[in-house]
């Protein structure tokens, strides 16, 4: 059957495959979150009313390449 090293190689290949597929989406999401947190921190330190940072609403049933419905 398979030894430990073969299973480790298969696991690494699967992880790399998933990272290539979902990586850009995760990085984009992390960047948006960082911008929102930075804006909230800045608004809190100014002492004024917090600013609203508009986000993007994504329909889970729609593919990212399809244009949004009008």
Protein backbone atom coordinates (compact mmCIF):
# COMPACT_ATOMS: atom_id res chain seq x y z
CA UNK A 1 0.00 0.00 0.00
CA UNK A 2 1.13 3.54 0.72
CA UNK A 3 3.83 4.46 3.18
CA UNK A 4 3.91 7.52 5.36
CA UNK A 5 6.04 9.52 2.94
CA UNK A 6 3.69 8.83 0.00
CA UNK A 7 0.68 9.94 2.03
CA UNK A 8 2.55 13.10 3.07
CA UNK A 9 3.30 13.92 -0.58
CA UNK A 10 -0.35 13.38 -1.54
CA UNK A 11 -1.48 15.61 1.34
CA UNK A 12 0.94 18.37 0.30
CA UNK A 13 -0.30 18.19 -3.31
CA UNK A 14 -3.93 18.47 -2.18
CA UNK A 15 -3.17 21.41 0.11
CA UNK A 16 -1.26 23.23 -2.64
CA UNK A 17 -4.11 22.58 -5.09
CA UNK A 18 -6.66 24.05 -2.71
CA UNK A 19 -4.42 27.02 -1.92
CA UNK A 20 -4.06 27.84 -5.61
CA UNK A 21 -7.83 27.69 -6.10
CA UNK A 22 -8.98 29.59 -2.99
CA UNK A 23 -5.86 31.63 -2.21
CA UNK A 24 -6.67 34.83 -4.13
CA UNK A 25 -10.17 34.94 -2.68
CA UNK A 26 -8.86 34.53 0.87
CA UNK A 27 -6.18 37.19 0.39
CA UNK A 28 -8.73 39.62 -1.08
CA UNK A 29 -11.06 39.03 1.86
CA UNK A 30 -8.24 39.52 4.36
CA UNK A 31 -7.29 42.79 2.66
CA UNK A 32 -10.84 44.11 2.86
CA UNK A 33 -11.04 43.15 6.52
CA UNK A 34 -7.74 44.89 7.25
CA UNK A 35 -8.95 48.09 5.55
CA UNK A 36 -12.19 48.05 7.56
CA UNK A 37 -10.33 47.48 10.83
CA UNK A 38 -7.88 50.27 10.01
CA UNK A 39 -10.76 52.66 9.26
CA UNK A 40 -12.49 51.73 12.52
CA UNK A 41 -9.29 52.26 14.49
CA UNK A 42 -8.74 55.64 12.86
CA UNK A 43 -12.36 56.67 13.54
CA UNK A 44 -12.07 55.58 17.17
CA UNK A 45 -8.87 57.51 17.76
CA UNK A 46 -10.31 60.71 16.23
CA UNK A 47 -13.10 60.70 18.79
CA UNK A 48 -15.73 61.62 16.21
CA UNK A 49 -18.54 59.56 14.83
CA UNK A 50 -17.38 56.36 13.13
CA UNK A 51 -17.33 56.35 9.34
CA UNK A 52 -19.22 53.67 7.46
CA UNK A 53 -17.06 51.69 5.06
CA UNK A 54 -19.15 50.25 2.25
CA UNK A 55 -18.53 46.57 1.58
CA UNK A 56 -19.36 44.37 -1.34
CA UNK A 57 -22.33 42.01 -1.12
CA UNK A 58 -21.77 38.75 -2.94
CA UNK A 59 -24.65 36.43 -3.75
CA UNK A 60 -23.49 32.89 -2.84
CA UNK A 61 -25.49 31.40 -5.73
CA UNK A 62 -23.84 33.58 -8.36
CA UNK A 63 -20.49 32.73 -9.89
CA UNK A 64 -17.85 35.48 -9.56
CA UNK A 65 -17.46 35.77 -13.34
CA UNK A 66 -21.17 36.45 -13.97
CA UNK A 67 -22.29 40.08 -14.02
CA UNK A 68 -24.62 41.09 -11.18
CA UNK A 69 -28.33 40.94 -11.96
CA UNK A 70 -29.91 44.29 -12.76
